[in-house]
Amino acid sequence: MKTILVILLLALSMFSYSQTVEEWTKQKKTQIKYLLQQIAANKVYLDYIEKGYGIARNGLNTIQSIKKGDFNLHSDFVSSLIKVNPKIKNYAKDNPCLRSHCRRYCGWHVDDHHAAV
């Protein structure tokens, strides 16, 4: 019975992860080897992190420039609405139809002497 139990435990130990003979006999060298492997893995992770942050930074800069460009576009449009073409401005003074429209719909009271457009 004991022999079967010993054989069974030895068979199960083959599938388990435990310390190797090298880990028992050369602990310092093995520890240094594992630490070097961890350092190499950390450098790889650091490269991935730097690439990821670079992609995120470029994406955010692109979004910011698009947003700024869109704002500038709207700002230019609104500022262009303030400027009135002199031909239209002078035409509005002499246009009775426009004066009556302003009186009726806009609430502006435009005199014949002082056109307020």
PDB file of N, CA and C in Angstrom:
ATOM      1  N   MET A   1       0.806  -1.184   0.000  1.00  0.00           N
ATOM      2  CA  MET A   1       0.000   0.000   0.000  1.00  0.00           C
ATOM      3  C   MET A   1       0.861   1.265   0.000  1.00  0.00           C
ATOM      4  N   LYS A   2       1.927   1.245   0.793  1.00  0.00           N
ATOM      5  CA  LYS A   2       2.810   2.396   0.855  1.00  0.00           C
ATOM      6  C   LYS A   2       3.510   2.620  -0.479  1.00  0.00           C
ATOM      7  N   THR A   3       3.870   1.576  -1.147  1.00  0.00           N
ATOM      8  CA  THR A   3       4.568   1.726  -2.425  1.00  0.00           C
ATOM      9  C   THR A   3       3.655   2.334  -3.476  1.00  0.00           C
ATOM     10  N   ILE A   4       2.390   1.955  -3.454  1.00  0.00           N
ATOM     11  CA  ILE A   4       1.436   2.521  -4.416  1.00  0.00           C
ATOM     12  C   ILE A   4       1.259   4.006  -4.137  1.00  0.00           C
ATOM     13  N   LEU A   5       1.182   4.376  -2.867  1.00  0.00           N
ATOM     14  CA  LEU A   5       1.032   5.772  -2.491  1.00  0.00           C
ATOM     15  C   LEU A   5       2.264   6.583  -2.896  1.00  0.00           C
ATOM     16  N   VAL A   6       3.464   6.049  -2.727  1.00  0.00           N
ATOM     17  CA  VAL A   6       4.693   6.729  -3.108  1.00  0.00           C
ATOM     18  C   VAL A   6       4.752   6.886  -4.618  1.00  0.00           C
ATOM     19  N   ILE A   7       4.392   5.870  -5.347  1.00  0.00           N
ATOM     20  CA  ILE A   7       4.397   5.937  -6.813  1.00  0.00           C
ATOM     21  C   ILE A   7       3.373   6.969  -7.293  1.00  0.00           C
ATOM     22  N   LEU A   8       2.223   6.975  -6.663  1.00  0.00           N
ATOM     23  CA  LEU A   8       1.185   7.939  -7.031  1.00  0.00           C
ATOM     24  C   LEU A   8       1.653   9.375  -6.757  1.00  0.00           C
ATOM     25  N   LEU A   9       2.272   9.615  -5.635  1.00  0.00           N
ATOM     26  CA  LEU A   9       2.783  10.951  -5.325  1.00  0.00           C
ATOM     27  C   LEU A   9       3.890  11.364  -6.280  1.00  0.00           C
ATOM     28  N   LEU A  10       4.761  10.442  -6.652  1.00  0.00           N
ATOM     29  CA  LEU A  10       5.812  10.766  -7.621  1.00  0.00           C
ATOM     30  C   LEU A  10       5.225  11.072  -8.993  1.00  0.00           C
ATOM     31  N   ALA A  11       4.198  10.348  -9.370  1.00  0.00           N
ATOM     32  CA  ALA A  11       3.555  10.587 -10.661  1.00  0.00           C
ATOM     33  C   ALA A  11       2.871  11.960 -10.668  1.00  0.00           C
ATOM     34  N   LEU A  12       2.235  12.321  -9.578  1.00  0.00           N
ATOM     35  CA  LEU A  12       1.576  13.625  -9.496  1.00  0.00           C
ATOM     36  C   LEU A  12       2.586  14.766  -9.427  1.00  0.00           C
ATOM     37  N   SER A  13       3.741  14.497  -8.853  1.00  0.00           N
ATOM     38  CA  SER A  13       4.739  15.563  -8.734  1.00  0.00           C
ATOM     39  C   SER A  13       5.342  15.927 -10.092  1.00  0.00           C
ATOM     40  N   MET A  14       5.252  15.042 -11.059  1.00  0.00           N
ATOM     41  CA  MET A  14       5.757  15.364 -12.391  1.00  0.00           C
ATOM     42  C   MET A  14       4.935  16.459 -13.053  1.00  0.00           C
ATOM     43  N   PHE A  15       3.646  16.541 -12.711  1.00  0.00           N
ATOM     44  CA  PHE A  15       2.769  17.520 -13.327  1.00  0.00           C
ATOM     45  C   PHE A  15       2.678  18.816 -12.533  1.00  0.00           C
ATOM     46  N   SER A  16       3.327  18.859 -11.398  1.00  0.00           N
ATOM     47  CA  SER A  16       3.268  20.070 -10.581  1.00  0.00           C
ATOM     48  C   SER A  16       4.478  20.953 -10.855  1.00  0.00           C
ATOM     49  N   TYR A  17       4.359  22.214 -10.492  1.00  0.00           N
ATOM     50  CA  TYR A  17       5.442  23.158 -10.665  1.00  0.00           C
ATOM     51  C   TYR A  17       6.093  23.390  -9.306  1.00  0.00           C
ATOM     52  N   SER A  18       7.322  23.009  -9.211  1.00  0.00           N
ATOM     53  CA  SER A  18       8.050  23.192  -7.963  1.00  0.00           C
ATOM     54  C   SER A  18       9.471  23.614  -8.289  1.00  0.00           C
ATOM     55  N   GLN A  19      10.307  23.726  -7.279  1.00  0.00           N
ATOM     56  CA  GLN A  19      11.680  24.135  -7.498  1.00  0.00           C
ATOM     57  C   GLN A  19      12.463  23.030  -8.201  1.00  0.00           C
ATOM     58  N   THR A  20      13.332  23.490  -9.081  1.00  0.00           N
ATOM     59  CA  THR A  20      14.175  22.536  -9.793  1.00  0.00           C
ATOM     60  C   THR A  20      15.439  22.286  -8.988  1.00  0.00           C
ATOM     61  N   VAL A  21      16.242  21.353  -9.448  1.00  0.00           N
ATOM     62  CA  VAL A  21      17.498  21.035  -8.770  1.00  0.00           C
ATOM     63  C   VAL A  21      18.433  22.246  -8.818  1.00  0.00           C
ATOM     64  N   GLU A  22      18.408  22.965  -9.936  1.00  0.00           N
ATOM     65  CA  GLU A  22      19.250  24.142 -10.064  1.00  0.00           C
ATOM     66  C   GLU A  22      18.852  25.221  -9.055  1.00  0.00           C
ATOM     67  N   GLU A  23      17.559  25.328  -8.803  1.00  0.00           N
ATOM     68  CA  GLU A  23      17.101  26.311  -7.826  1.00  0.00           C
ATOM     69  C   GLU A  23      17.529  25.955  -6.414  1.00  0.00           C
ATOM     70  N   TRP A  24      17.692  24.689  -6.142  1.00  0.00           N
ATOM     71  CA  TRP A  24      18.150  24.261  -4.824  1.00  0.00           C
ATOM     72  C   TRP A  24      19.649  24.474  -4.663  1.00  0.00           C
ATOM     73  N   THR A  25      20.384  24.185  -5.701  1.00  0.00           N
ATOM     74  CA  THR A  25      21.845  24.199  -5.559  1.00  0.00           C
ATOM     75  C   THR A  25      22.463  25.559  -5.860  1.00  0.00           C
ATOM     76  N   LYS A  26      21.919  26.308  -6.798  1.00  0.00           N
ATOM     77  CA  LYS A  26      22.502  27.594  -7.205  1.00  0.00           C
ATOM     78  C   LYS A  26      21.463  28.702  -7.027  1.00  0.00           C
ATOM     79  N   GLN A  27      21.120  28.958  -5.788  1.00  0.00           N
ATOM     80  CA  GLN A  27      20.033  29.902  -5.523  1.00  0.00           C
ATOM     81  C   GLN A  27      20.382  31.326  -5.936  1.00  0.00           C
ATOM     82  N   LYS A  28      21.586  31.785  -5.661  1.00  0.00           N
ATOM     83  CA  LYS A  28      21.968  33.157  -6.026  1.00  0.00           C
ATOM     84  C   LYS A  28      21.935  33.358  -7.531  1.00  0.00           C
ATOM     85  N   LYS A  29      22.544  32.437  -8.266  1.00  0.00           N
ATOM     86  CA  LYS A  29      22.573  32.560  -9.728  1.00  0.00           C
ATOM     87  C   LYS A  29      21.175  32.481 -10.316  1.00  0.00           C
ATOM     88  N   THR A  30      20.363  31.604  -9.737  1.00  0.00           N
ATOM     89  CA  THR A  30      18.994  31.456 -10.229  1.00  0.00           C
ATOM     90  C   THR A  30      18.186  32.719  -9.951  1.00  0.00           C
ATOM     91  N   GLN A  31      18.379  33.285  -8.765  1.00  0.00           N
ATOM     92  CA  GLN A  31      17.667  34.517  -8.438  1.00  0.00           C
ATOM     93  C   GLN A  31      18.080  35.650  -9.370  1.00  0.00           C
ATOM     94  N   ILE A  32      19.363  35.770  -9.651  1.00  0.00           N
ATOM     95  CA  ILE A  32      19.851  36.801 -10.573  1.00  0.00           C
ATOM     96  C   ILE A  32      19.265  36.585 -11.961  1.00  0.00           C
ATOM     97  N   LYS A  33      19.205  35.331 -12.394  1.00  0.00           N
ATOM     98  CA  LYS A  33      18.638  35.016 -13.707  1.00  0.00           C
ATOM     99  C   LYS A  33      17.166  35.437 -13.776  1.00  0.00           C
ATOM    100  N   TYR A  34      16.410  35.124 -12.726  1.00  0.00           N
ATOM    101  CA  TYR A  34      14.992  35.495 -12.711  1.00  0.00           C
ATOM    102  C   TYR A  34      14.806  37.016 -12.662  1.00  0.00           C
ATOM    103  N   LEU A  35      15.657  37.692 -11.902  1.00  0.00           N
ATOM    104  CA  LEU A  35      15.558  39.146 -11.835  1.00  0.00           C
ATOM    105  C   LEU A  35      15.889  39.785 -13.181  1.00  0.00           C
ATOM    106  N   LEU A  36      16.864  39.244 -13.893  1.00  0.00           N
ATOM    107  CA  LEU A  36      17.189  39.757 -15.224  1.00  0.00           C
ATOM    108  C   LEU A  36      16.024  39.535 -16.195  1.00  0.00           C
ATOM    109  N   GLN A  37      15.349  38.394 -16.050  1.00  0.00           N
ATOM    110  CA  GLN A  37      14.178  38.137 -16.888  1.00  0.00           C
ATOM    111  C   GLN A  37      13.051  39.128 -16.574  1.00  0.00           C
ATOM    112  N   GLN A  38      12.881  39.445 -15.294  1.00  0.00           N
ATOM    113  CA  GLN A  38      11.852  40.412 -14.908  1.00  0.00           C
ATOM    114  C   GLN A  38      12.195  41.817 -15.423  1.00  0.00           C
ATOM    115  N   ILE A  39      13.476  42.177 -15.361  1.00  0.00           N
ATOM    116  CA  ILE A  39      13.893  43.479 -15.873  1.00  0.00           C
ATOM    117  C   ILE A  39      13.622  43.573 -17.371  1.00  0.00           C
ATOM    118  N   ALA A  40      13.938  42.506 -18.105  1.00  0.00           N
ATOM    119  CA  ALA A  40      13.687  42.493 -19.549  1.00  0.00           C
ATOM    120  C   ALA A  40      12.188  42.596 -19.835  1.00  0.00           C
ATOM    121  N   ALA A  41      11.377  41.880 -19.060  1.00  0.00           N
ATOM    122  CA  ALA A  41       9.920  41.955 -19.256  1.00  0.00           C
ATOM    123  C   ALA A  41       9.401  43.348 -18.933  1.00  0.00           C
ATOM    124  N   ASN A  42       9.943  43.967 -17.893  1.00  0.00           N
ATOM    125  CA  ASN A  42       9.512  45.325 -17.542  1.00  0.00           C
ATOM    126  C   ASN A  42       9.900  46.329 -18.611  1.00  0.00           C
ATOM    127  N   LYS A  43      11.055  46.145 -19.248  1.00  0.00           N
ATOM    128  CA  LYS A  43      11.443  47.040 -20.344  1.00  0.00           C
ATOM    129  C   LYS A  43      10.483  46.904 -21.518  1.00  0.00           C
ATOM    130  N   VAL A  44      10.054  45.693 -21.799  1.00  0.00           N
ATOM    131  CA  VAL A  44       9.086  45.479 -22.880  1.00  0.00           C
ATOM    132  C   VAL A  44       7.769  46.172 -22.535  1.00  0.00           C
ATOM    133  N   TYR A  45       7.318  46.008 -21.275  1.00  0.00           N
ATOM    134  CA  TYR A  45       6.085  46.681 -20.856  1.00  0.00           C
ATOM    135  C   TYR A  45       6.231  48.194 -20.933  1.00  0.00           C
ATOM    136  N   LEU A  46       7.386  48.706 -20.555  1.00  0.00           N
ATOM    137  CA  LEU A  46       7.630  50.143 -20.622  1.00  0.00           C
ATOM    138  C   LEU A  46       7.551  50.646 -22.063  1.00  0.00           C
ATOM    139  N   ASP A  47       8.093  49.870 -23.002  1.00  0.00           N
ATOM    140  CA  ASP A  47       7.987  50.255 -24.418  1.00  0.00           C
ATOM    141  C   ASP A  47       6.529  50.296 -24.868  1.00  0.00           C
ATOM    142  N   TYR A  48       5.748  49.289 -24.444  1.00  0.00           N
ATOM    143  CA  TYR A  48       4.324  49.268 -24.800  1.00  0.00           C
ATOM    144  C   TYR A  48       3.591  50.477 -24.201  1.00  0.00           C
ATOM    145  N   ILE A  49       3.925  50.801 -22.964  1.00  0.00           N
ATOM    146  CA  ILE A  49       3.270  51.930 -22.303  1.00  0.00           C
ATOM    147  C   ILE A  49       3.632  53.233 -23.015  1.00  0.00           C
ATOM    148  N   GLU A  50       4.898  53.410 -23.368  1.00  0.00           N
ATOM    149  CA  GLU A  50       5.310  54.629 -24.064  1.00  0.00           C
ATOM    150  C   GLU A  50       4.625  54.752 -25.421  1.00  0.00           C
ATOM    151  N   LYS A  51       4.515  53.645 -26.146  1.00  0.00           N
ATOM    152  CA  LYS A  51       3.819  53.678 -27.438  1.00  0.00           C
ATOM    153  C   LYS A  51       2.340  54.019 -27.251  1.00  0.00           C
ATOM    154  N   GLY A  52       1.721  53.429 -26.227  1.00  0.00           N
ATOM    155  CA  GLY A  52       0.309  53.704 -25.959  1.00  0.00           C
ATOM    156  C   GLY A  52       0.072  55.155 -25.600  1.00  0.00           C
ATOM    157  N   TYR A  53       0.921  55.701 -24.737  1.00  0.00           N
ATOM    158  CA  TYR A  53       0.782  57.114 -24.376  1.00  0.00           C
ATOM    159  C   TYR A  53       1.038  58.012 -25.578  1.00  0.00           C
ATOM    160  N   GLY A  54       1.971  57.635 -26.438  1.00  0.00           N
ATOM    161  CA  GLY A  54       2.219  58.425 -27.653  1.00  0.00           C
ATOM    162  C   GLY A  54       1.006  58.444 -28.564  1.00  0.00           C
ATOM    163  N   ILE A  55       0.374  57.290 -28.719  1.00  0.00           N
ATOM    164  CA  ILE A  55      -0.836  57.213 -29.553  1.00  0.00           C
ATOM    165  C   ILE A  55      -1.949  58.057 -28.944  1.00  0.00           C
ATOM    166  N   ALA A  56      -2.124  57.954 -27.625  1.00  0.00           N
ATOM    167  CA  ALA A  56      -3.170  58.732 -26.960  1.00  0.00           C
ATOM    168  C   ALA A  56      -2.880  60.229 -27.072  1.00  0.00           C
ATOM    169  N   ARG A  57      -1.622  60.623 -26.893  1.00  0.00           N
ATOM    170  CA  ARG A  57      -1.253  62.045 -26.976  1.00  0.00           C
ATOM    171  C   ARG A  57      -1.515  62.571 -28.381  1.00  0.00           C
ATOM    172  N   ASN A  58      -1.120  61.808 -29.406  1.00  0.00           N
ATOM    173  CA  ASN A  58      -1.357  62.240 -30.786  1.00  0.00           C
ATOM    174  C   ASN A  58      -2.849  62.352 -31.085  1.00  0.00           C
ATOM    175  N   GLY A  59      -3.622  61.398 -30.586  1.00  0.00           N
ATOM    176  CA  GLY A  59      -5.065  61.444 -30.799  1.00  0.00           C
ATOM    177  C   GLY A  59      -5.701  62.656 -30.142  1.00  0.00           C
ATOM    178  N   LEU A  60      -5.290  62.947 -28.903  1.00  0.00           N
ATOM    179  CA  LEU A  60      -5.845  64.109 -28.209  1.00  0.00           C
ATOM    180  C   LEU A  60      -5.424  65.406 -28.877  1.00  0.00           C
ATOM    181  N   ASN A  61      -4.185  65.465 -29.361  1.00  0.00           N
ATOM    182  CA  ASN A  61      -3.748  66.671 -30.081  1.00  0.00           C
ATOM    183  C   ASN A  61      -4.535  66.852 -31.362  1.00  0.00           C
ATOM    184  N   THR A  62      -4.837  65.759 -32.052  1.00  0.00           N
ATOM    185  CA  THR A  62      -5.637  65.833 -33.276  1.00  0.00           C
ATOM    186  C   THR A  62      -7.044  66.341 -32.965  1.00  0.00           C
ATOM    187  N   ILE A  63      -7.631  65.800 -31.909  1.00  0.00           N
ATOM    188  CA  ILE A  63      -8.978  66.233 -31.519  1.00  0.00           C
ATOM    189  C   ILE A  63      -8.965  67.714 -31.148  1.00  0.00           C
ATOM    190  N   GLN A  64      -7.929  68.134 -30.414  1.00  0.00           N
ATOM    191  CA  GLN A  64      -7.838  69.538 -30.012  1.00  0.00           C
ATOM    192  C   GLN A  64      -7.691  70.452 -31.232  1.00  0.00           C
ATOM    193  N   SER A  65      -6.884  70.049 -32.195  1.00  0.00           N
ATOM    194  CA  SER A  65      -6.710  70.898 -33.378  1.00  0.00           C
ATOM    195  C   SER A  65      -7.986  70.943 -34.217  1.00  0.00           C
ATOM    196  N   ILE A  66      -8.695  69.831 -34.295  1.00  0.00           N
ATOM    197  CA  ILE A  66      -9.968  69.828 -35.025  1.00  0.00           C
ATOM    198  C   ILE A  66     -10.963  70.743 -34.323  1.00  0.00           C
ATOM    199  N   LYS A  67     -11.013  70.632 -32.999  1.00  0.00           N
ATOM    200  CA  LYS A  67     -11.935  71.457 -32.228  1.00  0.00           C
ATOM    201  C   LYS A  67     -11.586  72.935 -32.370  1.00  0.00           C
ATOM    202  N   LYS A  68     -10.293  73.236 -32.296  1.00  0.00           N
ATOM    203  CA  LYS A  68      -9.855  74.627 -32.427  1.00  0.00           C
ATOM    204  C   LYS A  68     -10.158  75.150 -33.830  1.00  0.00           C
ATOM    205  N   GLY A  69      -9.939  74.332 -34.843  1.00  0.00           N
ATOM    206  CA  GLY A  69     -10.242  74.737 -36.217  1.00  0.00           C
ATOM    207  C   GLY A  69     -11.721  74.976 -36.424  1.00  0.00           C
ATOM    208  N   ASP A  70     -12.553  74.110 -35.826  1.00  0.00           N
ATOM    209  CA  ASP A  70     -13.995  74.281 -35.943  1.00  0.00           C
ATOM    210  C   ASP A  70     -14.434  75.553 -35.230  1.00  0.00           C
ATOM    211  N   PHE A  71     -13.851  75.818 -34.061  1.00  0.00           N
ATOM    212  CA  PHE A  71     -14.190  77.049 -33.349  1.00  0.00           C
ATOM    213  C   PHE A  71     -13.770  78.275 -34.155  1.00  0.00           C
ATOM    214  N   ASN A  72     -12.574  78.226 -34.741  1.00  0.00           N
ATOM    215  CA  ASN A  72     -12.116  79.353 -35.555  1.00  0.00           C
ATOM    216  C   ASN A  72     -13.027  79.565 -36.760  1.00  0.00           C
ATOM    217  N   LEU A  73     -13.500  78.458 -37.334  1.00  0.00           N
ATOM    218  CA  LEU A  73     -14.408  78.565 -38.472  1.00  0.00           C
ATOM    219  C   LEU A  73     -15.693  79.276 -38.067  1.00  0.00           C
ATOM    220  N   HIS A  74     -16.267  78.862 -36.936  1.00  0.00           N
ATOM    221  CA  HIS A  74     -17.496  79.499 -36.458  1.00  0.00           C
ATOM    222  C   HIS A  74     -17.240  80.952 -36.068  1.00  0.00           C
ATOM    223  N   SER A  75     -16.108  81.200 -35.438  1.00  0.00           N
ATOM    224  CA  SER A  75     -15.776  82.570 -35.037  1.00  0.00           C
ATOM    225  C   SER A  75     -15.637  83.472 -36.260  1.00  0.00           C
ATOM    226  N   ASP A  76     -14.969  82.987 -37.296  1.00  0.00           N
ATOM    227  CA  ASP A  76     -14.834  83.770 -38.520  1.00  0.00           C
ATOM    228  C   ASP A  76     -16.192  84.029 -39.167  1.00  0.00           C
ATOM    229  N   PHE A  77     -17.056  83.028 -39.149  1.00  0.00           N
ATOM    230  CA  PHE A  77     -18.383  83.198 -39.750  1.00  0.00           C
ATOM    231  C   PHE A  77     -19.181  84.251 -38.997  1.00  0.00           C
ATOM    232  N   VAL A  78     -19.169  84.166 -37.667  1.00  0.00           N
ATOM    233  CA  VAL A  78     -19.938  85.121 -36.873  1.00  0.00           C
ATOM    234  C   VAL A  78     -19.366  86.524 -37.035  1.00  0.00           C
ATOM    235  N   SER A  79     -18.055  86.657 -37.059  1.00  0.00           N
ATOM    236  CA  SER A  79     -17.473  87.992 -37.232  1.00  0.00           C
ATOM    237  C   SER A  79     -17.743  88.534 -38.641  1.00  0.00           C
ATOM    238  N   SER A  80     -17.893  87.640 -39.621  1.00  0.00           N
ATOM    239  CA  SER A  80     -18.218  88.129 -40.961  1.00  0.00           C
ATOM    240  C   SER A  80     -19.664  88.604 -41.047  1.00  0.00           C
ATOM    241  N   LEU A  81     -20.524  88.103 -40.168  1.00  0.00           N
ATOM    242  CA  LEU A  81     -21.915  88.562 -40.173  1.00  0.00           C
ATOM    243  C   LEU A  81     -22.036  89.997 -39.660  1.00  0.00           C
ATOM    244  N   ILE A  82     -21.090  90.402 -38.832  1.00  0.00           N
ATOM    245  CA  ILE A  82     -21.130  91.757 -38.283  1.00  0.00           C
ATOM    246  C   ILE A  82     -20.827  92.787 -39.367  1.00  0.00           C
ATOM    247  N   LYS A  83     -19.941  92.429 -40.266  1.00  0.00           N
ATOM    248  CA  LYS A  83     -19.554  93.351 -41.328  1.00  0.00           C
ATOM    249  C   LYS A  83     -20.656  93.394 -42.391  1.00  0.00           C
ATOM    250  N   VAL A  84     -21.061  94.591 -42.748  1.00  0.00           N
ATOM    251  CA  VAL A  84     -22.115  94.769 -43.747  1.00  0.00           C
ATOM    252  C   VAL A  84     -21.483  95.343 -45.008  1.00  0.00           C
ATOM    253  N   ASN A  85     -21.849  94.775 -46.115  1.00  0.00           N
ATOM    254  CA  ASN A  85     -21.374  95.273 -47.393  1.00  0.00           C
ATOM    255  C   ASN A  85     -21.871  96.709 -47.591  1.00  0.00           C
ATOM    256  N   PRO A  86     -20.993  97.657 -47.940  1.00  0.00           N
ATOM    257  CA  PRO A  86     -21.421  99.061 -48.094  1.00  0.00           C
ATOM    258  C   PRO A  86     -22.512  99.240 -49.146  1.00  0.00           C
ATOM    259  N   LYS A  87     -22.510  98.437 -50.189  1.00  0.00           N
ATOM    260  CA  LYS A  87     -23.549  98.566 -51.217  1.00  0.00           C
ATOM    261  C   LYS A  87     -24.919  98.243 -50.630  1.00  0.00           C
ATOM    262  N   ILE A  88     -24.960  97.209 -49.812  1.00  0.00           N
ATOM    263  CA  ILE A  88     -26.236  96.830 -49.197  1.00  0.00           C
ATOM    264  C   ILE A  88     -26.640  97.862 -48.157  1.00  0.00           C
ATOM    265  N   LYS A  89     -25.678  98.353 -47.419  1.00  0.00           N
ATOM    266  CA  LYS A  89     -25.960  99.346 -46.394  1.00  0.00           C
ATOM    267  C   LYS A  89     -26.563 100.609 -47.026  1.00  0.00           C
ATOM    268  N   ASN A  90     -25.985 101.083 -48.107  1.00  0.00           N
ATOM    269  CA  ASN A  90     -26.514 102.262 -48.786  1.00  0.00           C
ATOM    270  C   ASN A  90     -27.845 101.966 -49.474  1.00  0.00           C
ATOM    271  N   TYR A  91     -28.009 100.761 -49.951  1.00  0.00           N
ATOM    272  CA  TYR A  91     -29.248 100.387 -50.617  1.00  0.00           C
ATOM    273  C   TYR A  91     -30.400 100.355 -49.618  1.00  0.00           C
ATOM    274  N   ALA A  92     -30.106  99.928 -48.398  1.00  0.00           N
ATOM    275  CA  ALA A  92     -31.163  99.813 -47.394  1.00  0.00           C
ATOM    276  C   ALA A  92     -31.726 101.180 -47.026  1.00  0.00           C
ATOM    277  N   LYS A  93     -30.955 102.227 -47.137  1.00  0.00           N
ATOM    278  CA  LYS A  93     -31.441 103.565 -46.791  1.00  0.00           C
ATOM    279  C   LYS A  93     -32.502 104.031 -47.773  1.00  0.00           C
ATOM    280  N   ASP A  94     -32.372 103.602 -49.001  1.00  0.00           N
ATOM    281  CA  ASP A  94     -33.286 104.079 -50.033  1.00  0.00           C
ATOM    282  C   ASP A  94     -34.404 103.084 -50.343  1.00  0.00           C
ATOM    283  N   ASN A  95     -34.462 101.978 -49.634  1.00  0.00           N
ATOM    284  CA  ASN A  95     -35.420 100.934 -49.958  1.00  0.00           C
ATOM    285  C   ASN A  95     -36.657 101.061 -49.063  1.00  0.00           C
ATOM    286  N   PRO A  96     -37.788 101.516 -49.586  1.00  0.00           N
ATOM    287  CA  PRO A  96     -38.989 101.666 -48.755  1.00  0.00           C
ATOM    288  C   PRO A  96     -39.557 100.313 -48.330  1.00  0.00           C
ATOM    289  N   CYS A  97     -39.374  99.305 -49.157  1.00  0.00           N
ATOM    290  CA  CYS A  97     -39.874  97.973 -48.821  1.00  0.00           C
ATOM    291  C   CYS A  97     -39.167  97.433 -47.582  1.00  0.00           C
ATOM    292  N   LEU A  98     -37.858  97.639 -47.522  1.00  0.00           N
ATOM    293  CA  LEU A  98     -37.082  97.181 -46.379  1.00  0.00           C
ATOM    294  C   LEU A  98     -37.461  97.961 -45.122  1.00  0.00           C
ATOM    295  N   ARG A  99     -37.700  99.256 -45.266  1.00  0.00           N
ATOM    296  CA  ARG A  99     -38.109 100.075 -44.113  1.00  0.00           C
ATOM    297  C   ARG A  99     -39.446  99.591 -43.563  1.00  0.00           C
ATOM    298  N   SER A 100     -40.381  99.294 -44.441  1.00  0.00           N
ATOM    299  CA  SER A 100     -41.684  98.832 -43.949  1.00  0.00           C
ATOM    300  C   SER A 100     -41.569  97.442 -43.323  1.00  0.00           C
ATOM    301  N   HIS A 101     -40.716  96.631 -43.872  1.00  0.00           N
ATOM    302  CA  HIS A 101     -40.484  95.302 -43.293  1.00  0.00           C
ATOM    303  C   HIS A 101     -39.897  95.440 -41.887  1.00  0.00           C
ATOM    304  N   CYS A 102     -38.946  96.351 -41.726  1.00  0.00           N
ATOM    305  CA  CYS A 102     -38.325  96.558 -40.419  1.00  0.00           C
ATOM    306  C   CYS A 102     -39.346  97.066 -39.413  1.00  0.00           C
ATOM    307  N   ARG A 103     -40.223  97.976 -39.865  1.00  0.00           N
ATOM    308  CA  ARG A 103     -41.259  98.493 -38.962  1.00  0.00           C
ATOM    309  C   ARG A 103     -42.219  97.392 -38.553  1.00  0.00           C
ATOM    310  N   ARG A 104     -42.618  96.586 -39.526  1.00  0.00           N
ATOM    311  CA  ARG A 104     -43.656  95.596 -39.289  1.00  0.00           C
ATOM    312  C   ARG A 104     -43.149  94.403 -38.483  1.00  0.00           C
ATOM    313  N   TYR A 105     -42.013  93.835 -38.850  1.00  0.00           N
ATOM    314  CA  TYR A 105     -41.577  92.566 -38.264  1.00  0.00           C
ATOM    315  C   TYR A 105     -40.491  92.696 -37.203  1.00  0.00           C
ATOM    316  N   CYS A 106     -39.664  93.665 -37.310  1.00  0.00           N
ATOM    317  CA  CYS A 106     -38.548  93.791 -36.386  1.00  0.00           C
ATOM    318  C   CYS A 106     -38.832  94.775 -35.268  1.00  0.00           C
ATOM    319  N   GLY A 107     -39.828  95.606 -35.409  1.00  0.00           N
ATOM    320  CA  GLY A 107     -40.133  96.592 -34.398  1.00  0.00           C
ATOM    321  C   GLY A 107     -39.273  97.829 -34.492  1.00  0.00           C
ATOM    322  N   TRP A 108     -38.523  97.983 -35.552  1.00  0.00           N
ATOM    323  CA  TRP A 108     -37.683  99.160 -35.725  1.00  0.00           C
ATOM    324  C   TRP A 108     -38.522 100.262 -36.350  1.00  0.00           C
ATOM    325  N   HIS A 109     -38.350 101.440 -35.842  1.00  0.00           N
ATOM    326  CA  HIS A 109     -39.031 102.596 -36.428  1.00  0.00           C
ATOM    327  C   HIS A 109     -37.979 103.398 -37.175  1.00  0.00           C
ATOM    328  N   VAL A 110     -37.977 103.235 -38.469  1.00  0.00           N
ATOM    329  CA  VAL A 110     -36.968 103.875 -39.295  1.00  0.00           C
ATOM    330  C   VAL A 110     -37.584 105.114 -39.929  1.00  0.00           C
ATOM    331  N   ASP A 111     -36.971 106.252 -39.664  1.00  0.00           N
ATOM    332  CA  ASP A 111     -37.442 107.500 -40.286  1.00  0.00           C
ATOM    333  C   ASP A 111     -36.953 107.545 -41.732  1.00  0.00           C
ATOM    334  N   ASP A 112     -37.598 108.400 -42.488  1.00  0.00           N
ATOM    335  CA  ASP A 112     -37.113 108.607 -43.851  1.00  0.00           C
ATOM    336  C   ASP A 112     -35.796 109.357 -43.832  1.00  0.00           C
ATOM    337  N   HIS A 113     -35.578 110.145 -42.786  1.00  0.00           N
ATOM    338  CA  HIS A 113     -34.356 110.924 -42.711  1.00  0.00           C
ATOM    339  C   HIS A 113     -33.193 110.146 -42.122  1.00  0.00           C
ATOM    340  N   HIS A 114     -33.487 109.223 -41.179  1.00  0.00           N
ATOM    341  CA  HIS A 114     -32.415 108.494 -40.497  1.00  0.00           C
ATOM    342  C   HIS A 114     -32.652 106.985 -40.676  1.00  0.00           C
ATOM    343  N   ALA A 115     -32.044 106.411 -41.638  1.00  0.00           N
ATOM    344  CA  ALA A 115     -32.161 104.960 -41.840  1.00  0.00           C
ATOM    345  C   ALA A 115     -31.240 104.252 -40.853  1.00  0.00           C
ATOM    346  N   ALA A 116     -31.778 103.295 -40.113  1.00  0.00           N
ATOM    347  CA  ALA A 116     -30.994 102.644 -39.055  1.00  0.00           C
ATOM    348  C   ALA A 116     -30.637 101.215 -39.417  1.00  0.00           C
ATOM    349  N   VAL A 117     -30.085 101.037 -40.573  1.00  0.00           N
ATOM    350  CA  VAL A 117     -29.667  99.667 -40.951  1.00  0.00           C
ATOM    351  C   VAL A 117     -28.198  99.625 -41.183  1.00  0.00           C
TER     352      VAL A 117
END
